[in-house]
PDB file of N, CA and C in Angstrom:
ATOM      1  N   GLN A   1     -18.457 104.984-103.396  1.00  0.00           N
ATOM      2  CA  GLN A   1     -17.371 105.897-103.699  1.00  0.00           C
ATOM      3  C   GLN A   1     -16.992 106.659-102.428  1.00  0.00           C
ATOM      4  N   VAL A   2     -15.708 106.704-102.147  1.00  0.00           N
ATOM      5  CA  VAL A   2     -15.219 107.407-100.968  1.00  0.00           C
ATOM      6  C   VAL A   2     -14.698 108.773-101.395  1.00  0.00           C
ATOM      7  N   GLN A   3     -15.089 109.786-100.669  1.00  0.00           N
ATOM      8  CA  GLN A   3     -14.599 111.136-100.909  1.00  0.00           C
ATOM      9  C   GLN A   3     -13.773 111.588 -99.725  1.00  0.00           C
ATOM     10  N   VAL A   4     -12.687 112.282-100.040  1.00  0.00           N
ATOM     11  CA  VAL A   4     -11.728 112.694 -99.021  1.00  0.00           C
ATOM     12  C   VAL A   4     -11.442 114.176 -99.201  1.00  0.00           C
ATOM     13  N   ALA A   5     -11.409 114.919 -98.100  1.00  0.00           N
ATOM     14  CA  ALA A   5     -11.145 116.360 -98.192  1.00  0.00           C
ATOM     15  C   ALA A   5     -10.304 116.806 -97.014  1.00  0.00           C
ATOM     16  N   GLU A   6      -9.176 117.470 -97.321  1.00  0.00           N
ATOM     17  CA  GLU A   6      -8.279 117.975 -96.282  1.00  0.00           C
ATOM     18  C   GLU A   6      -8.589 119.432 -95.962  1.00  0.00           C
ATOM     19  N   SER A   7      -8.170 119.836 -94.782  1.00  0.00           N
ATOM     20  CA  SER A   7      -8.233 121.244 -94.385  1.00  0.00           C
ATOM     21  C   SER A   7      -7.188 121.491 -93.316  1.00  0.00           C
ATOM     22  N   GLY A   8      -6.885 122.772 -93.087  1.00  0.00           N
ATOM     23  CA  GLY A   8      -6.021 123.126 -91.974  1.00  0.00           C
ATOM     24  C   GLY A   8      -4.625 123.561 -92.328  1.00  0.00           C
ATOM     25  N   GLY A   9      -4.277 123.591 -93.613  1.00  0.00           N
ATOM     26  CA  GLY A   9      -2.955 124.047 -93.984  1.00  0.00           C
ATOM     27  C   GLY A   9      -2.799 125.545 -93.779  1.00  0.00           C
ATOM     28  N   GLY A  10      -1.571 126.023 -93.972  1.00  0.00           N
ATOM     29  CA  GLY A  10      -1.331 127.445 -93.817  1.00  0.00           C
ATOM     30  C   GLY A  10       0.144 127.753 -93.723  1.00  0.00           C
ATOM     31  N   LEU A  11       0.417 128.988 -93.315  1.00  0.00           N
ATOM     32  CA  LEU A  11       1.783 129.474 -93.159  1.00  0.00           C
ATOM     33  C   LEU A  11       2.113 129.557 -91.674  1.00  0.00           C
ATOM     34  N   VAL A  12       3.255 129.015 -91.297  1.00  0.00           N
ATOM     35  CA  VAL A  12       3.653 129.008 -89.902  1.00  0.00           C
ATOM     36  C   VAL A  12       5.169 129.194 -89.827  1.00  0.00           C
ATOM     37  N   GLN A  13       5.628 129.779 -88.747  1.00  0.00           N
ATOM     38  CA  GLN A  13       7.069 129.938 -88.559  1.00  0.00           C
ATOM     39  C   GLN A  13       7.696 128.633 -88.073  1.00  0.00           C
ATOM     40  N   ALA A  14       8.965 128.481 -88.348  1.00  0.00           N
ATOM     41  CA  ALA A  14       9.689 127.305 -87.869  1.00  0.00           C
ATOM     42  C   ALA A  14       9.531 127.184 -86.355  1.00  0.00           C
ATOM     43  N   GLY A  15       9.305 125.960 -85.906  1.00  0.00           N
ATOM     44  CA  GLY A  15       9.061 125.707 -84.495  1.00  0.00           C
ATOM     45  C   GLY A  15       7.598 125.742 -84.106  1.00  0.00           C
ATOM     46  N   GLY A  16       6.759 126.195 -85.007  1.00  0.00           N
ATOM     47  CA  GLY A  16       5.337 126.299 -84.730  1.00  0.00           C
ATOM     48  C   GLY A  16       4.598 125.000 -84.974  1.00  0.00           C
ATOM     49  N   SER A  17       3.268 125.070 -84.859  1.00  0.00           N
ATOM     50  CA  SER A  17       2.414 123.890 -84.980  1.00  0.00           C
ATOM     51  C   SER A  17       1.245 124.158 -85.915  1.00  0.00           C
ATOM     52  N   LEU A  18       0.777 123.103 -86.516  1.00  0.00           N
ATOM     53  CA  LEU A  18      -0.451 123.119 -87.315  1.00  0.00           C
ATOM     54  C   LEU A  18      -1.150 121.788 -87.118  1.00  0.00           C
ATOM     55  N   ARG A  19      -2.474 121.799 -87.245  1.00  0.00           N
ATOM     56  CA  ARG A  19      -3.211 120.551 -87.256  1.00  0.00           C
ATOM     57  C   ARG A  19      -3.999 120.446 -88.551  1.00  0.00           C
ATOM     58  N   LEU A  20      -3.743 119.404 -89.286  1.00  0.00           N
ATOM     59  CA  LEU A  20      -4.490 119.117 -90.505  1.00  0.00           C
ATOM     60  C   LEU A  20      -5.637 118.170 -90.176  1.00  0.00           C
ATOM     61  N   SER A  21      -6.738 118.387 -90.865  1.00  0.00           N
ATOM     62  CA  SER A  21      -7.895 117.510 -90.731  1.00  0.00           C
ATOM     63  C   SER A  21      -8.237 116.901 -92.083  1.00  0.00           C
ATOM     64  N   CYS A  22      -8.811 115.720 -92.038  1.00  0.00           N
ATOM     65  CA  CYS A  22      -9.221 115.037 -93.268  1.00  0.00           C
ATOM     66  C   CYS A  22     -10.534 114.328 -93.006  1.00  0.00           C
ATOM     67  N   ALA A  23     -11.563 114.768 -93.706  1.00  0.00           N
ATOM     68  CA  ALA A  23     -12.878 114.151 -93.581  1.00  0.00           C
ATOM     69  C   ALA A  23     -13.103 113.191 -94.732  1.00  0.00           C
ATOM     70  N   ALA A  24     -13.592 111.999 -94.412  1.00  0.00           N
ATOM     71  CA  ALA A  24     -13.871 110.999 -95.434  1.00  0.00           C
ATOM     72  C   ALA A  24     -15.345 110.636 -95.371  1.00  0.00           C
ATOM     73  N   SER A  25     -15.970 110.500 -96.525  1.00  0.00           N
ATOM     74  CA  SER A  25     -17.382 110.142 -96.578  1.00  0.00           C
ATOM     75  C   SER A  25     -17.584 108.980 -97.539  1.00  0.00           C
ATOM     76  N   GLY A  26     -18.636 108.178 -97.267  1.00  0.00           N
ATOM     77  CA  GLY A  26     -18.907 107.023 -98.102  1.00  0.00           C
ATOM     78  C   GLY A  26     -18.354 105.767 -97.480  1.00  0.00           C
ATOM     79  N   GLY A  27     -19.218 104.819 -97.137  1.00  0.00           N
ATOM     80  CA  GLY A  27     -18.748 103.579 -96.552  1.00  0.00           C
ATOM     81  C   GLY A  27     -18.583 103.644 -95.052  1.00  0.00           C
ATOM     82  N   THR A  28     -17.820 102.705 -94.502  1.00  0.00           N
ATOM     83  CA  THR A  28     -17.630 102.573 -93.060  1.00  0.00           C
ATOM     84  C   THR A  28     -16.255 103.087 -92.677  1.00  0.00           C
ATOM     85  N   PHE A  29     -16.214 104.336 -92.248  1.00  0.00           N
ATOM     86  CA  PHE A  29     -14.938 104.998 -91.993  1.00  0.00           C
ATOM     87  C   PHE A  29     -14.088 104.246 -90.979  1.00  0.00           C
ATOM     88  N   SER A  30     -14.736 103.652 -89.982  1.00  0.00           N
ATOM     89  CA  SER A  30     -13.980 103.019 -88.895  1.00  0.00           C
ATOM     90  C   SER A  30     -13.104 101.861 -89.382  1.00  0.00           C
ATOM     91  N   THR A  31     -13.375 101.327 -90.561  1.00  0.00           N
ATOM     92  CA  THR A  31     -12.582 100.215 -91.090  1.00  0.00           C
ATOM     93  C   THR A  31     -11.467 100.681 -92.026  1.00  0.00           C
ATOM     94  N   TYR A  32     -11.445 101.975 -92.335  1.00  0.00           N
ATOM     95  CA  TYR A  32     -10.483 102.480 -93.318  1.00  0.00           C
ATOM     96  C   TYR A  32      -9.075 102.557 -92.753  1.00  0.00           C
ATOM     97  N   THR A  33      -8.106 102.347 -93.631  1.00  0.00           N
ATOM     98  CA  THR A  33      -6.746 102.793 -93.375  1.00  0.00           C
ATOM     99  C   THR A  33      -6.627 104.188 -93.957  1.00  0.00           C
ATOM    100  N   MET A  34      -6.113 105.121 -93.147  1.00  0.00           N
ATOM    101  CA  MET A  34      -5.957 106.508 -93.589  1.00  0.00           C
ATOM    102  C   MET A  34      -4.483 106.876 -93.578  1.00  0.00           C
ATOM    103  N   GLY A  35      -4.088 107.625 -94.558  1.00  0.00           N
ATOM    104  CA  GLY A  35      -2.687 108.017 -94.649  1.00  0.00           C
ATOM    105  C   GLY A  35      -2.523 109.481 -94.994  1.00  0.00           C
ATOM    106  N   TRP A  36      -1.392 110.019 -94.593  1.00  0.00           N
ATOM    107  CA  TRP A  36      -0.982 111.373 -94.986  1.00  0.00           C
ATOM    108  C   TRP A  36       0.313 111.254 -95.805  1.00  0.00           C
ATOM    109  N   PHE A  37       0.331 111.965 -96.907  1.00  0.00           N
ATOM    110  CA  PHE A  37       1.497 112.040 -97.763  1.00  0.00           C
ATOM    111  C   PHE A  37       1.785 113.528 -98.009  1.00  0.00           C
ATOM    112  N   ARG A  38       2.974 113.825 -98.520  1.00  0.00           N
ATOM    113  CA  ARG A  38       3.294 115.211 -98.862  1.00  0.00           C
ATOM    114  C   ARG A  38       4.175 115.241-100.116  1.00  0.00           C
ATOM    115  N   GLN A  39       4.071 116.371-100.786  1.00  0.00           N
ATOM    116  CA  GLN A  39       4.864 116.545-102.000  1.00  0.00           C
ATOM    117  C   GLN A  39       5.394 117.964-102.047  1.00  0.00           C
ATOM    118  N   ALA A  40       6.705 118.076-102.023  1.00  0.00           N
ATOM    119  CA  ALA A  40       7.367 119.369-102.128  1.00  0.00           C
ATOM    120  C   ALA A  40       7.659 119.658-103.601  1.00  0.00           C
ATOM    121  N   PRO A  41       7.836 120.922-103.966  1.00  0.00           N
ATOM    122  CA  PRO A  41       8.112 121.251-105.368  1.00  0.00           C
ATOM    123  C   PRO A  41       9.324 120.504-105.899  1.00  0.00           C
ATOM    124  N   GLY A  42       9.163 119.881-107.051  1.00  0.00           N
ATOM    125  CA  GLY A  42      10.259 119.168-107.684  1.00  0.00           C
ATOM    126  C   GLY A  42      10.578 117.819-107.087  1.00  0.00           C
ATOM    127  N   LYS A  43       9.782 117.391-106.120  1.00  0.00           N
ATOM    128  CA  LYS A  43      10.048 116.107-105.474  1.00  0.00           C
ATOM    129  C   LYS A  43       8.862 115.166-105.645  1.00  0.00           C
ATOM    130  N   GLU A  44       9.130 113.897-105.418  1.00  0.00           N
ATOM    131  CA  GLU A  44       8.053 112.906-105.496  1.00  0.00           C
ATOM    132  C   GLU A  44       7.201 112.953-104.222  1.00  0.00           C
ATOM    133  N   ARG A  45       5.996 112.472-104.359  1.00  0.00           N
ATOM    134  CA  ARG A  45       5.116 112.374-103.198  1.00  0.00           C
ATOM    135  C   ARG A  45       5.711 111.363-102.221  1.00  0.00           C
ATOM    136  N   GLU A  46       5.747 111.742-100.946  1.00  0.00           N
ATOM    137  CA  GLU A  46       6.345 110.860 -99.949  1.00  0.00           C
ATOM    138  C   GLU A  46       5.378 110.582 -98.811  1.00  0.00           C
ATOM    139  N   PHE A  47       5.539 109.424 -98.242  1.00  0.00           N
ATOM    140  CA  PHE A  47       4.729 108.995 -97.105  1.00  0.00           C
ATOM    141  C   PHE A  47       5.072 109.799 -95.865  1.00  0.00           C
ATOM    142  N   VAL A  48       4.044 110.136 -95.075  1.00  0.00           N
ATOM    143  CA  VAL A  48       4.247 110.838 -93.815  1.00  0.00           C
ATOM    144  C   VAL A  48       3.794 109.983 -92.633  1.00  0.00           C
ATOM    145  N   ALA A  49       2.542 109.541 -92.655  1.00  0.00           N
ATOM    146  CA  ALA A  49       1.997 108.802 -91.510  1.00  0.00           C
ATOM    147  C   ALA A  49       0.769 108.029 -91.959  1.00  0.00           C
ATOM    148  N   THR A  50       0.452 106.976 -91.189  1.00  0.00           N
ATOM    149  CA  THR A  50      -0.736 106.189 -91.471  1.00  0.00           C
ATOM    150  C   THR A  50      -1.329 105.662 -90.181  1.00  0.00           C
ATOM    151  N   ILE A  51      -2.638 105.422 -90.201  1.00  0.00           N
ATOM    152  CA  ILE A  51      -3.343 104.825 -89.071  1.00  0.00           C
ATOM    153  C   ILE A  51      -4.362 103.845 -89.623  1.00  0.00           C
ATOM    154  N   ASN A  52      -4.412 102.649 -89.039  1.00  0.00           N
ATOM    155  CA  ASN A  52      -5.368 101.670 -89.553  1.00  0.00           C
ATOM    156  C   ASN A  52      -6.595 101.589 -88.642  1.00  0.00           C
ATOM    157  N   TYR A  53      -7.451 100.604 -88.897  1.00  0.00           N
ATOM    158  CA  TYR A  53      -8.717 100.522 -88.171  1.00  0.00           C
ATOM    159  C   TYR A  53      -8.520 100.234 -86.692  1.00  0.00           C
ATOM    160  N   SER A  54      -7.393  99.592 -86.346  1.00  0.00           N
ATOM    161  CA  SER A  54      -7.126  99.283 -84.938  1.00  0.00           C
ATOM    162  C   SER A  54      -6.302 100.390 -84.271  1.00  0.00           C
ATOM    163  N   ARG A  55      -6.147 101.504 -84.967  1.00  0.00           N
ATOM    164  CA  ARG A  55      -5.402 102.678 -84.496  1.00  0.00           C
ATOM    165  C   ARG A  55      -3.903 102.419 -84.403  1.00  0.00           C
ATOM    166  N   MET A  56      -3.441 101.417 -85.091  1.00  0.00           N
ATOM    167  CA  MET A  56      -1.996 101.243 -85.225  1.00  0.00           C
ATOM    168  C   MET A  56      -1.476 102.368 -86.107  1.00  0.00           C
ATOM    169  N   THR A  57      -0.378 102.983 -85.675  1.00  0.00           N
ATOM    170  CA  THR A  57       0.182 104.105 -86.421  1.00  0.00           C
ATOM    171  C   THR A  57       1.606 103.801 -86.865  1.00  0.00           C
ATOM    172  N   TYR A  58       2.011 104.515 -87.918  1.00  0.00           N
ATOM    173  CA  TYR A  58       3.371 104.357 -88.427  1.00  0.00           C
ATOM    174  C   TYR A  58       3.758 105.680 -89.070  1.00  0.00           C
ATOM    175  N   TYR A  59       5.036 106.071 -88.868  1.00  0.00           N
ATOM    176  CA  TYR A  59       5.498 107.373 -89.343  1.00  0.00           C
ATOM    177  C   TYR A  59       6.797 107.233 -90.133  1.00  0.00           C
ATOM    178  N   THR A  60       7.012 108.147 -91.052  1.00  0.00           N
ATOM    179  CA  THR A  60       8.319 108.223 -91.663  1.00  0.00           C
ATOM    180  C   THR A  60       9.292 108.781 -90.629  1.00  0.00           C
ATOM    181  N   ASP A  61      10.560 108.420 -90.750  1.00  0.00           N
ATOM    182  CA  ASP A  61      11.536 108.749 -89.709  1.00  0.00           C
ATOM    183  C   ASP A  61      11.653 110.255 -89.458  1.00  0.00           C
ATOM    184  N   SER A  62      11.538 111.038 -90.515  1.00  0.00           N
ATOM    185  CA  SER A  62      11.791 112.475 -90.384  1.00  0.00           C
ATOM    186  C   SER A  62      10.743 113.209 -89.551  1.00  0.00           C
ATOM    187  N   VAL A  63       9.587 112.577 -89.295  1.00  0.00           N
ATOM    188  CA  VAL A  63       8.539 113.253 -88.513  1.00  0.00           C
ATOM    189  C   VAL A  63       8.279 112.591 -87.174  1.00  0.00           C
ATOM    190  N   LYS A  64       8.946 111.489 -86.900  1.00  0.00           N
ATOM    191  CA  LYS A  64       8.727 110.788 -85.629  1.00  0.00           C
ATOM    192  C   LYS A  64       9.061 111.703 -84.455  1.00  0.00           C
ATOM    193  N   GLY A  65       8.177 111.724 -83.471  1.00  0.00           N
ATOM    194  CA  GLY A  65       8.364 112.581 -82.316  1.00  0.00           C
ATOM    195  C   GLY A  65       7.851 113.993 -82.512  1.00  0.00           C
ATOM    196  N   ARG A  66       7.516 114.371 -83.725  1.00  0.00           N
ATOM    197  CA  ARG A  66       7.003 115.717 -84.005  1.00  0.00           C
ATOM    198  C   ARG A  66       5.555 115.692 -84.503  1.00  0.00           C
ATOM    199  N   PHE A  67       5.194 114.700 -85.285  1.00  0.00           N
ATOM    200  CA  PHE A  67       3.861 114.592 -85.854  1.00  0.00           C
ATOM    201  C   PHE A  67       3.094 113.463 -85.166  1.00  0.00           C
ATOM    202  N   THR A  68       1.784 113.647 -85.058  1.00  0.00           N
ATOM    203  CA  THR A  68       0.921 112.618 -84.496  1.00  0.00           C
ATOM    204  C   THR A  68      -0.319 112.472 -85.365  1.00  0.00           C
ATOM    205  N   ILE A  69      -0.582 111.252 -85.806  1.00  0.00           N
ATOM    206  CA  ILE A  69      -1.804 110.965 -86.559  1.00  0.00           C
ATOM    207  C   ILE A  69      -2.818 110.355 -85.609  1.00  0.00           C
ATOM    208  N   SER A  70      -4.066 110.755 -85.761  1.00  0.00           N
ATOM    209  CA  SER A  70      -5.129 110.217 -84.917  1.00  0.00           C
ATOM    210  C   SER A  70      -6.424 110.201 -85.719  1.00  0.00           C
ATOM    211  N   ARG A  71      -7.427 109.515 -85.183  1.00  0.00           N
ATOM    212  CA  ARG A  71      -8.705 109.446 -85.893  1.00  0.00           C
ATOM    213  C   ARG A  71      -9.853 109.559 -84.910  1.00  0.00           C
ATOM    214  N   ASP A  72     -10.947 110.149 -85.385  1.00  0.00           N
ATOM    215  CA  ASP A  72     -12.198 110.243 -84.645  1.00  0.00           C
ATOM    216  C   ASP A  72     -13.259 109.591 -85.524  1.00  0.00           C
ATOM    217  N   ASN A  73     -13.584 108.348 -85.213  1.00  0.00           N
ATOM    218  CA  ASN A  73     -14.529 107.623 -86.060  1.00  0.00           C
ATOM    219  C   ASN A  73     -15.937 108.210 -85.984  1.00  0.00           C
ATOM    220  N   GLY A  74     -16.264 108.853 -84.883  1.00  0.00           N
ATOM    221  CA  GLY A  74     -17.570 109.489 -84.764  1.00  0.00           C
ATOM    222  C   GLY A  74     -17.739 110.660 -85.714  1.00  0.00           C
ATOM    223  N   LYS A  75     -16.609 111.272 -86.094  1.00  0.00           N
ATOM    224  CA  LYS A  75     -16.633 112.416 -87.011  1.00  0.00           C
ATOM    225  C   LYS A  75     -16.118 112.055 -88.395  1.00  0.00           C
ATOM    226  N   ASN A  76     -15.794 110.781 -88.614  1.00  0.00           N
ATOM    227  CA  ASN A  76     -15.250 110.348 -89.907  1.00  0.00           C
ATOM    228  C   ASN A  76     -14.043 111.195 -90.312  1.00  0.00           C
ATOM    229  N   THR A  77     -13.190 111.474 -89.362  1.00  0.00           N
ATOM    230  CA  THR A  77     -12.092 112.413 -89.585  1.00  0.00           C
ATOM    231  C   THR A  77     -10.777 111.849 -89.038  1.00  0.00           C
ATOM    232  N   VAL A  78      -9.721 112.107 -89.784  1.00  0.00           N
ATOM    233  CA  VAL A  78      -8.376 111.795 -89.328  1.00  0.00           C
ATOM    234  C   VAL A  78      -7.611 113.116 -89.219  1.00  0.00           C
ATOM    235  N   TYR A  79      -6.715 113.169 -88.253  1.00  0.00           N
ATOM    236  CA  TYR A  79      -5.966 114.394 -87.987  1.00  0.00           C
ATOM    237  C   TYR A  79      -4.468 114.132 -88.103  1.00  0.00           C
ATOM    238  N   LEU A  80      -3.745 115.185 -88.433  1.00  0.00           N
ATOM    239  CA  LEU A  80      -2.291 115.152 -88.372  1.00  0.00           C
ATOM    240  C   LEU A  80      -1.842 116.376 -87.578  1.00  0.00           C
ATOM    241  N   GLN A  81      -1.459 116.142 -86.335  1.00  0.00           N
ATOM    242  CA  GLN A  81      -0.928 117.208 -85.501  1.00  0.00           C
ATOM    243  C   GLN A  81       0.563 117.335 -85.784  1.00  0.00           C
ATOM    244  N   MET A  82       0.970 118.521 -86.205  1.00  0.00           N
ATOM    245  CA  MET A  82       2.359 118.743 -86.588  1.00  0.00           C
ATOM    246  C   MET A  82       2.976 119.784 -85.659  1.00  0.00           C
ATOM    247  N   ASN A  83       3.948 119.364 -84.889  1.00  0.00           N
ATOM    248  CA  ASN A  83       4.644 120.247 -83.951  1.00  0.00           C
ATOM    249  C   ASN A  83       6.102 120.401 -84.368  1.00  0.00           C
ATOM    250  N   SER A  84       6.741 121.404 -83.806  1.00  0.00           N
ATOM    251  CA  SER A  84       8.172 121.660 -84.094  1.00  0.00           C
ATOM    252  C   SER A  84       8.445 121.655 -85.592  1.00  0.00           C
ATOM    253  N   LEU A  85       7.617 122.367 -86.318  1.00  0.00           N
ATOM    254  CA  LEU A  85       7.719 122.360 -87.780  1.00  0.00           C
ATOM    255  C   LEU A  85       9.027 122.964 -88.250  1.00  0.00           C
ATOM    256  N   LYS A  86       9.528 122.429 -89.349  1.00  0.00           N
ATOM    257  CA  LYS A  86      10.787 122.854 -89.945  1.00  0.00           C
ATOM    258  C   LYS A  86      10.521 123.324 -91.379  1.00  0.00           C
ATOM    259  N   PRO A  87      11.377 124.177 -91.908  1.00  0.00           N
ATOM    260  CA  PRO A  87      11.184 124.600 -93.302  1.00  0.00           C
ATOM    261  C   PRO A  87      11.109 123.428 -94.281  1.00  0.00           C
ATOM    262  N   GLU A  88      11.816 122.363 -93.987  1.00  0.00           N
ATOM    263  CA  GLU A  88      11.778 121.193 -94.879  1.00  0.00           C
ATOM    264  C   GLU A  88      10.457 120.429 -94.816  1.00  0.00           C
ATOM    265  N   ASP A  89       9.574 120.803 -93.918  1.00  0.00           N
ATOM    266  CA  ASP A  89       8.231 120.222 -93.894  1.00  0.00           C
ATOM    267  C   ASP A  89       7.296 120.913 -94.895  1.00  0.00           C
ATOM    268  N   THR A  90       7.769 121.976 -95.514  1.00  0.00           N
ATOM    269  CA  THR A  90       6.960 122.695 -96.492  1.00  0.00           C
ATOM    270  C   THR A  90       6.612 121.794 -97.669  1.00  0.00           C
ATOM    271  N   ALA A  91       5.321 121.675 -97.941  1.00  0.00           N
ATOM    272  CA  ALA A  91       4.846 120.790 -99.014  1.00  0.00           C
ATOM    273  C   ALA A  91       3.335 120.917 -99.122  1.00  0.00           C
ATOM    274  N   VAL A  92       2.801 120.328-100.162  1.00  0.00           N
ATOM    275  CA  VAL A  92       1.358 120.085-100.221  1.00  0.00           C
ATOM    276  C   VAL A  92       1.113 118.747 -99.530  1.00  0.00           C
ATOM    277  N   TYR A  93       0.215 118.768 -98.568  1.00  0.00           N
ATOM    278  CA  TYR A  93      -0.093 117.568 -97.795  1.00  0.00           C
ATOM    279  C   TYR A  93      -1.395 116.963 -98.312  1.00  0.00           C
ATOM    280  N   TYR A  94      -1.337 115.675 -98.577  1.00  0.00           N
ATOM    281  CA  TYR A  94      -2.484 114.947 -99.110  1.00  0.00           C
ATOM    282  C   TYR A  94      -2.949 113.889 -98.106  1.00  0.00           C
ATOM    283  N   CYS A  95      -4.249 113.775 -98.014  1.00  0.00           N
ATOM    284  CA  CYS A  95      -4.870 112.712 -97.239  1.00  0.00           C
ATOM    285  C   CYS A  95      -5.338 111.632 -98.199  1.00  0.00           C
ATOM    286  N   ALA A  96      -5.203 110.374 -97.780  1.00  0.00           N
ATOM    287  CA  ALA A  96      -5.598 109.256 -98.631  1.00  0.00           C
ATOM    288  C   ALA A  96      -6.351 108.220 -97.815  1.00  0.00           C
ATOM    289  N   ALA A  97      -7.256 107.516 -98.470  1.00  0.00           N
ATOM    290  CA  ALA A  97      -8.079 106.516 -97.798  1.00  0.00           C
ATOM    291  C   ALA A  97      -8.051 105.199 -98.547  1.00  0.00           C
ATOM    292  N   ASP A  98      -8.010 104.132 -97.770  1.00  0.00           N
ATOM    293  CA  ASP A  98      -8.126 102.778 -98.295  1.00  0.00           C
ATOM    294  C   ASP A  98      -9.281 102.124 -97.546  1.00  0.00           C
ATOM    295  N   ASN A  99     -10.369 101.797 -98.252  1.00  0.00           N
ATOM    296  CA  ASN A  99     -11.555 101.291 -97.584  1.00  0.00           C
ATOM    297  C   ASN A  99     -11.540  99.778 -97.394  1.00  0.00           C
ATOM    298  N   THR A 100     -10.389  99.153 -97.544  1.00  0.00           N
ATOM    299  CA  THR A 100     -10.215  97.743 -97.206  1.00  0.00           C
ATOM    300  C   THR A 100      -9.439  97.654 -95.897  1.00  0.00           C
ATOM    301  N   PRO A 101      -9.977  96.997 -94.865  1.00  0.00           N
ATOM    302  CA  PRO A 101      -9.252  96.891 -93.589  1.00  0.00           C
ATOM    303  C   PRO A 101      -7.900  96.216 -93.763  1.00  0.00           C
ATOM    304  N   ARG A 102      -6.866  96.835 -93.202  1.00  0.00           N
ATOM    305  CA  ARG A 102      -5.507  96.307 -93.305  1.00  0.00           C
ATOM    306  C   ARG A 102      -4.931  96.109 -91.922  1.00  0.00           C
ATOM    307  N   LEU A 103      -4.165  95.050 -91.761  1.00  0.00           N
ATOM    308  CA  LEU A 103      -3.536  94.785 -90.478  1.00  0.00           C
ATOM    309  C   LEU A 103      -2.252  95.585 -90.296  1.00  0.00           C
ATOM    310  N   GLY A 104      -1.534  95.805 -91.365  1.00  0.00           N
ATOM    311  CA  GLY A 104      -0.225  96.423 -91.253  1.00  0.00           C
ATOM    312  C   GLY A 104      -0.251  97.889 -91.632  1.00  0.00           C
ATOM    313  N   ALA A 105       0.949  98.449 -91.815  1.00  0.00           N
ATOM    314  CA  ALA A 105       1.108  99.853 -92.187  1.00  0.00           C
ATOM    315  C   ALA A 105       1.147  99.983 -93.703  1.00  0.00           C
ATOM    316  N   SER A 106       0.376 100.909 -94.220  1.00  0.00           N
ATOM    317  CA  SER A 106       0.330 101.145 -95.659  1.00  0.00           C
ATOM    318  C   SER A 106       1.119 102.406 -95.957  1.00  0.00           C
ATOM    319  N   GLN A 107       2.318 102.240 -96.551  1.00  0.00           N
ATOM    320  CA  GLN A 107       3.228 103.358 -96.754  1.00  0.00           C
ATOM    321  C   GLN A 107       3.312 103.835 -98.195  1.00  0.00           C
ATOM    322  N   PHE A 108       2.676 103.142 -99.115  1.00  0.00           N
ATOM    323  CA  PHE A 108       2.871 103.437-100.526  1.00  0.00           C
ATOM    324  C   PHE A 108       1.619 104.052-101.133  1.00  0.00           C
ATOM    325  N   PRO A 109       1.775 105.094-101.957  1.00  0.00           N
ATOM    326  CA  PRO A 109       0.602 105.729-102.568  1.00  0.00           C
ATOM    327  C   PRO A 109      -0.294 104.745-103.308  1.00  0.00           C
ATOM    328  N   SER A 110       0.288 103.734-103.907  1.00  0.00           N
ATOM    329  CA  SER A 110      -0.500 102.777-104.684  1.00  0.00           C
ATOM    330  C   SER A 110      -1.464 101.975-103.824  1.00  0.00           C
ATOM    331  N   GLN A 111      -1.263 101.987-102.514  1.00  0.00           N
ATOM    332  CA  GLN A 111      -2.143 101.243-101.618  1.00  0.00           C
ATOM    333  C   GLN A 111      -3.426 102.009-101.290  1.00  0.00           C
ATOM    334  N   TYR A 112      -3.512 103.246-101.727  1.00  0.00           N
ATOM    335  CA  TYR A 112      -4.659 104.087-101.398  1.00  0.00           C
ATOM    336  C   TYR A 112      -5.429 104.463-102.668  1.00  0.00           C
ATOM    337  N   PRO A 113      -6.662 104.026-102.800  1.00  0.00           N
ATOM    338  CA  PRO A 113      -7.427 104.361-104.003  1.00  0.00           C
ATOM    339  C   PRO A 113      -8.081 105.739-103.991  1.00  0.00           C
ATOM    340  N   TYR A 114      -8.198 106.341-102.807  1.00  0.00           N
ATOM    341  CA  TYR A 114      -8.938 107.605-102.721  1.00  0.00           C
ATOM    342  C   TYR A 114      -8.052 108.692-102.125  1.00  0.00           C
ATOM    343  N   TRP A 115      -8.095 109.863-102.769  1.00  0.00           N
ATOM    344  CA  TRP A 115      -7.207 110.958-102.400  1.00  0.00           C
ATOM    345  C   TRP A 115      -7.960 112.280-102.329  1.00  0.00           C
ATOM    346  N   GLY A 116      -7.487 113.137-101.422  1.00  0.00           N
ATOM    347  CA  GLY A 116      -7.989 114.500-101.397  1.00  0.00           C
ATOM    348  C   GLY A 116      -7.223 115.377-102.358  1.00  0.00           C
ATOM    349  N   GLN A 117      -7.609 116.658-102.395  1.00  0.00           N
ATOM    350  CA  GLN A 117      -7.001 117.605-103.318  1.00  0.00           C
ATOM    351  C   GLN A 117      -5.696 118.178-102.794  1.00  0.00           C
ATOM    352  N   GLY A 118      -5.461 118.044-101.510  1.00  0.00           N
ATOM    353  CA  GLY A 118      -4.224 118.550-100.924  1.00  0.00           C
ATOM    354  C   GLY A 118      -4.414 119.895-100.258  1.00  0.00           C
ATOM    355  N   THR A 119      -3.574 120.152 -99.270  1.00  0.00           N
ATOM    356  CA  THR A 119      -3.575 121.437 -98.576  1.00  0.00           C
ATOM    357  C   THR A 119      -2.124 121.881 -98.388  1.00  0.00           C
ATOM    358  N   GLN A 120      -1.870 123.162 -98.652  1.00  0.00           N
ATOM    359  CA  GLN A 120      -0.501 123.678 -98.614  1.00  0.00           C
ATOM    360  C   GLN A 120      -0.074 123.963 -97.178  1.00  0.00           C
ATOM    361  N   VAL A 121       1.112 123.489 -96.837  1.00  0.00           N
ATOM    362  CA  VAL A 121       1.753 123.834 -95.565  1.00  0.00           C
ATOM    363  C   VAL A 121       3.081 124.503 -95.896  1.00  0.00           C
ATOM    364  N   THR A 122       3.250 125.714 -95.410  1.00  0.00           N
ATOM    365  CA  THR A 122       4.478 126.457 -95.640  1.00  0.00           C
ATOM    366  C   THR A 122       5.088 126.842 -94.299  1.00  0.00           C
ATOM    367  N   VAL A 123       6.341 126.454 -94.104  1.00  0.00           N
ATOM    368  CA  VAL A 123       7.044 126.753 -92.857  1.00  0.00           C
ATOM    369  C   VAL A 123       8.178 127.722 -93.172  1.00  0.00           C
ATOM    370  N   SER A 124       8.099 128.892 -92.604  1.00  0.00           N
ATOM    371  CA  SER A 124       9.123 129.916 -92.859  1.00  0.00           C
ATOM    372  C   SER A 124      10.237 129.837 -91.821  1.00  0.00           C
ATOM    373  N   SER A 125      11.434 130.163 -92.277  1.00  0.00           N
ATOM    374  CA  SER A 125      12.597 130.092 -91.366  1.00  0.00           C
ATOM    375  C   SER A 125      12.818 131.399 -90.628  1.00  0.00           C
TER     376      SER A 125
END
């Protein structure tokens, strides 16, 4: 069983930065595909970024150039560095894990069997 836990959310002004962390336990973390998703009030959960075992990354268009996903296999942790934050980035951010090695980008929630509880990110204007 894989367990996933996010941390690092908070309140920040527009233009500011936050770094989210996600620790995963159980199994061989280095082979996991890890993803970040977000859900704003009244909206569906949407894909943000993903990184696979070979450190291939993929981002949704709205965060390209502002967000960076990375992983530290020694710490079983994936990070989401968020810069130049905008009010529209306000959402609950979820980390997800897929413990089957994947070659491509996993953009859909259904591709991830394990999820964290979420962490709130609020960007004020």
